Amino acid sequence: MQIVGDGYHTRLNWRGTSGASVLALHGPSKATVREISIEGNGLVDGISADKIDQVGSRVFGQGVVLSYSVQANFFADQLDNTEVEMRDLLHQYTTSGSGPGIGVKVVGGPLAEAGNPQGGAINLYSGASSGEILLTK
């Protein structure tokens, strides 16, 4: 599947109540999302991807802008095999209800936590952030 926009002004904007994601990707799959702005309006995640932790799987982003998320602007959760690479990542203004929220949150996979790493990695190259905190666990 490919969803290709025409740059920043091509937008998917959430208009409902809180709950899901603007765009939910379910793996294993081969999906491309590019040149598009996705806005959860402070109610939902922009993009969520589940069931993607297979051997050889990868996620790549370049020039990604993440703003005004509720849980975290970027959240990698329990990936043992997946290699995630983000270049020129801008994450900003996550809220937690009482102040700045988490900008980048990474929770390692269960195999890595048990002392058996499988080669998965989260690599963030360059970029900027504003108005939030960072958390790694």
C-alpha atoms as a PDB file:
ATOM      1  CA  MET A   1       0.000   0.000   0.000  1.00  0.00           C
ATOM      2  CA  GLN A   2       1.220   3.512  -0.740  1.00  0.00           C
ATOM      3  CA  ILE A   3      -0.214   6.791   0.468  1.00  0.00           C
ATOM      4  CA  VAL A   4       1.625   9.635  -1.236  1.00  0.00           C
ATOM      5  CA  GLY A   5       0.749  13.266  -0.707  1.00  0.00           C
ATOM      6  CA  ASP A   6       2.014  16.451  -2.269  1.00  0.00           C
ATOM      7  CA  GLY A   7       3.997  17.761   0.691  1.00  0.00           C
ATOM      8  CA  TYR A   8       3.172  19.481   3.973  1.00  0.00           C
ATOM      9  CA  HIS A   9      -0.155  20.895   2.796  1.00  0.00           C
ATOM     10  CA  THR A  10      -1.554  17.446   1.997  1.00  0.00           C
ATOM     11  CA  ARG A  11      -3.204  16.609   5.324  1.00  0.00           C
ATOM     12  CA  LEU A  12      -5.150  13.948   7.133  1.00  0.00           C
ATOM     13  CA  ASN A  13      -6.822  15.651  10.126  1.00  0.00           C
ATOM     14  CA  TRP A  14      -8.629  13.842  12.944  1.00  0.00           C
ATOM     15  CA  ARG A  15     -12.149  15.175  13.508  1.00  0.00           C
ATOM     16  CA  GLY A  16     -13.617  12.605  15.907  1.00  0.00           C
ATOM     17  CA  THR A  17     -13.396  12.010  19.625  1.00  0.00           C
ATOM     18  CA  SER A  18     -10.394  10.475  21.376  1.00  0.00           C
ATOM     19  CA  GLY A  19      -9.627   6.845  20.765  1.00  0.00           C
ATOM     20  CA  ALA A  20      -7.753   5.288  17.878  1.00  0.00           C
ATOM     21  CA  SER A  21      -5.250   6.620  15.335  1.00  0.00           C
ATOM     22  CA  VAL A  22      -5.645   8.720  12.224  1.00  0.00           C
ATOM     23  CA  LEU A  23      -3.842   6.006  10.260  1.00  0.00           C
ATOM     24  CA  ALA A  24      -3.436   2.453  11.612  1.00  0.00           C
ATOM     25  CA  LEU A  25      -1.018   0.103   9.844  1.00  0.00           C
ATOM     26  CA  HIS A  26      -1.133  -3.607  10.644  1.00  0.00           C
ATOM     27  CA  GLY A  27       1.823  -5.845   9.870  1.00  0.00           C
ATOM     28  CA  PRO A  28       3.381  -7.710   8.503  1.00  0.00           C
ATOM     29  CA  SER A  29       2.978  -5.455   5.488  1.00  0.00           C
ATOM     30  CA  LYS A  30       4.828  -3.280   3.038  1.00  0.00           C
ATOM     31  CA  ALA A  31       3.450   0.216   3.426  1.00  0.00           C
ATOM     32  CA  THR A  32       4.734   3.585   2.262  1.00  0.00           C
ATOM     33  CA  VAL A  33       3.419   6.838   3.691  1.00  0.00           C
ATOM     34  CA  ARG A  34       5.173   9.934   2.406  1.00  0.00           C
ATOM     35  CA  GLU A  35       4.905  13.648   1.735  1.00  0.00           C
ATOM     36  CA  ILE A  36       1.858  14.058   3.942  1.00  0.00           C
ATOM     37  CA  SER A  37       0.941  15.756   7.212  1.00  0.00           C
ATOM     38  CA  ILE A  38      -1.103  13.771   9.733  1.00  0.00           C
ATOM     39  CA  GLU A  39      -2.723  15.637  12.634  1.00  0.00           C
ATOM     40  CA  GLY A  40      -4.340  13.931  15.632  1.00  0.00           C
ATOM     41  CA  ASN A  41      -5.489  17.286  17.049  1.00  0.00           C
ATOM     42  CA  GLY A  42      -4.254  16.338  20.524  1.00  0.00           C
ATOM     43  CA  LEU A  43      -6.812  13.511  20.736  1.00  0.00           C
ATOM     44  CA  VAL A  44      -5.286  10.499  18.952  1.00  0.00           C
ATOM     45  CA  ASP A  45      -2.022   9.154  17.568  1.00  0.00           C
ATOM     46  CA  GLY A  46      -1.161  10.171  14.017  1.00  0.00           C
ATOM     47  CA  ILE A  47       0.169   6.812  12.834  1.00  0.00           C
ATOM     48  CA  SER A  48       0.208   3.532  14.709  1.00  0.00           C
ATOM     49  CA  ALA A  49       1.781   0.326  13.452  1.00  0.00           C
ATOM     50  CA  ASP A  50       1.269  -3.024  15.158  1.00  0.00           C
ATOM     51  CA  LYS A  51       2.471  -6.569  14.519  1.00  0.00           C
ATOM     52  CA  ILE A  52       5.590  -5.251  12.768  1.00  0.00           C
ATOM     53  CA  ASP A  53       8.320  -6.965  14.832  1.00  0.00           C
ATOM     54  CA  GLN A  54       9.454  -9.643  12.373  1.00  0.00           C
ATOM     55  CA  VAL A  55      13.065 -10.518  11.516  1.00  0.00           C
ATOM     56  CA  GLY A  56      14.267  -8.081   8.858  1.00  0.00           C
ATOM     57  CA  SER A  57      11.490  -5.548   9.360  1.00  0.00           C
ATOM     58  CA  ARG A  58      12.267  -1.857   9.211  1.00  0.00           C
ATOM     59  CA  VAL A  59      10.657   1.539   9.539  1.00  0.00           C
ATOM     60  CA  PHE A  60      12.203   4.586   7.853  1.00  0.00           C
ATOM     61  CA  GLY A  61      11.260   8.227   8.064  1.00  0.00           C
ATOM     62  CA  GLN A  62      12.888  11.372   6.704  1.00  0.00           C
ATOM     63  CA  GLY A  63      11.781  14.907   7.403  1.00  0.00           C
ATOM     64  CA  VAL A  64       9.104  13.677   9.804  1.00  0.00           C
ATOM     65  CA  VAL A  65       7.283  16.279  11.925  1.00  0.00           C
ATOM     66  CA  LEU A  66       5.446  15.011  15.020  1.00  0.00           C
ATOM     67  CA  SER A  67       3.378  17.450  17.080  1.00  0.00           C
ATOM     68  CA  TYR A  68       0.711  17.654  19.793  1.00  0.00           C
ATOM     69  CA  SER A  69       0.403  13.949  20.562  1.00  0.00           C
ATOM     70  CA  VAL A  70      -1.212  12.724  23.755  1.00  0.00           C
ATOM     71  CA  GLN A  71       0.917   9.709  24.738  1.00  0.00           C
ATOM     72  CA  ALA A  72       4.218  10.450  22.988  1.00  0.00           C
ATOM     73  CA  ASN A  73       5.154  12.012  19.681  1.00  0.00           C
ATOM     74  CA  PHE A  74       7.378   9.026  18.867  1.00  0.00           C
ATOM     75  CA  PHE A  75       6.812   5.752  20.730  1.00  0.00           C
ATOM     76  CA  ALA A  76       8.646   2.505  19.879  1.00  0.00           C
ATOM     77  CA  ASP A  77       7.202  -0.250  22.045  1.00  0.00           C
ATOM     78  CA  GLN A  78       8.724  -3.715  22.564  1.00  0.00           C
ATOM     79  CA  LEU A  79      10.505  -4.162  19.244  1.00  0.00           C
ATOM     80  CA  ASP A  80      13.163  -6.894  19.290  1.00  0.00           C
ATOM     81  CA  ASN A  81      13.767  -7.339  15.550  1.00  0.00           C
ATOM     82  CA  THR A  82      12.678  -4.107  13.891  1.00  0.00           C
ATOM     83  CA  GLU A  83      15.196  -1.477  12.834  1.00  0.00           C
ATOM     84  CA  VAL A  84      13.734   2.017  13.026  1.00  0.00           C
ATOM     85  CA  GLU A  85      15.591   4.917  11.406  1.00  0.00           C
ATOM     86  CA  MET A  86      14.384   8.507  11.496  1.00  0.00           C
ATOM     87  CA  ARG A  87      16.348  11.306   9.825  1.00  0.00           C
ATOM     88  CA  ASP A  88      15.638  14.998  10.399  1.00  0.00           C
ATOM     89  CA  LEU A  89      12.961  14.230  12.984  1.00  0.00           C
ATOM     90  CA  LEU A  90      11.117  17.196  14.531  1.00  0.00           C
ATOM     91  CA  HIS A  91       8.997  16.377  17.584  1.00  0.00           C
ATOM     92  CA  GLN A  92       7.271  19.086  19.562  1.00  0.00           C
ATOM     93  CA  TYR A  93       4.611  20.049  22.088  1.00  0.00           C
ATOM     94  CA  THR A  94       3.392  16.751  23.458  1.00  0.00           C
ATOM     95  CA  THR A  95       1.021  17.284  26.376  1.00  0.00           C
ATOM     96  CA  SER A  96       0.413  15.156  29.453  1.00  0.00           C
ATOM     97  CA  GLY A  97      -2.497  17.155  30.830  1.00  0.00           C
ATOM     98  CA  SER A  98      -0.436  18.935  33.486  1.00  0.00           C
ATOM     99  CA  GLY A  99       2.570  20.031  31.438  1.00  0.00           C
ATOM    100  CA  PRO A 100       5.041  18.834  28.854  1.00  0.00           C
ATOM    101  CA  GLY A 101       4.559  15.251  27.743  1.00  0.00           C
ATOM    102  CA  ILE A 102       7.004  12.701  26.392  1.00  0.00           C
ATOM    103  CA  GLY A 103       8.591  13.530  23.049  1.00  0.00           C
ATOM    104  CA  VAL A 104      10.416  10.262  22.376  1.00  0.00           C
ATOM    105  CA  LYS A 105       9.639   7.067  24.285  1.00  0.00           C
ATOM    106  CA  VAL A 106      11.435   3.778  23.625  1.00  0.00           C
ATOM    107  CA  VAL A 107      10.572   0.542  25.458  1.00  0.00           C
ATOM    108  CA  GLY A 108      12.823  -2.400  24.565  1.00  0.00           C
ATOM    109  CA  GLY A 109      11.545  -5.781  23.466  1.00  0.00           C
ATOM    110  CA  PRO A 110      10.981  -8.703  25.818  1.00  0.00           C
ATOM    111  CA  LEU A 111      13.907 -10.721  24.424  1.00  0.00           C
ATOM    112  CA  ALA A 112      16.331  -7.809  24.836  1.00  0.00           C
ATOM    113  CA  GLU A 113      15.049  -7.235  28.362  1.00  0.00           C
ATOM    114  CA  ALA A 114      15.773 -10.909  29.154  1.00  0.00           C
ATOM    115  CA  GLY A 115      19.391 -10.465  27.964  1.00  0.00           C
ATOM    116  CA  ASN A 116      18.895 -11.935  24.490  1.00  0.00           C
ATOM    117  CA  PRO A 117      19.002  -8.965  22.050  1.00  0.00           C
ATOM    118  CA  GLN A 118      17.935  -9.735  18.487  1.00  0.00           C
ATOM    119  CA  GLY A 119      19.409  -6.744  16.634  1.00  0.00           C
ATOM    120  CA  GLY A 120      16.479  -4.367  16.640  1.00  0.00           C
ATOM    121  CA  ALA A 121      17.451  -0.702  16.975  1.00  0.00           C
ATOM    122  CA  ILE A 122      16.008   2.785  17.146  1.00  0.00           C
ATOM    123  CA  ASN A 123      18.245   5.300  15.332  1.00  0.00           C
ATOM    124  CA  LEU A 124      17.362   8.997  15.347  1.00  0.00           C
ATOM    125  CA  TYR A 125      19.653  11.155  13.216  1.00  0.00           C
ATOM    126  CA  SER A 126      19.543  14.940  13.387  1.00  0.00           C
ATOM    127  CA  GLY A 127      16.379  16.911  13.987  1.00  0.00           C
ATOM    128  CA  ALA A 128      14.986  19.106  16.754  1.00  0.00           C
ATOM    129  CA  SER A 129      12.498  19.158  19.615  1.00  0.00           C
ATOM    130  CA  SER A 130      10.595  21.685  21.688  1.00  0.00           C
ATOM    131  CA  GLY A 131       8.201  21.791  24.630  1.00  0.00           C
ATOM    132  CA  GLU A 132       8.449  18.182  25.869  1.00  0.00           C
ATOM    133  CA  ILE A 133      10.575  15.657  27.766  1.00  0.00           C
ATOM    134  CA  LEU A 134      12.479  12.552  26.607  1.00  0.00           C
ATOM    135  CA  LEU A 135      12.064   9.124  28.237  1.00  0.00           C
ATOM    136  CA  THR A 136      13.915   5.854  27.612  1.00  0.00           C
ATOM    137  CA  LYS A 137      13.255   2.655  29.509  1.00  0.00           C
END
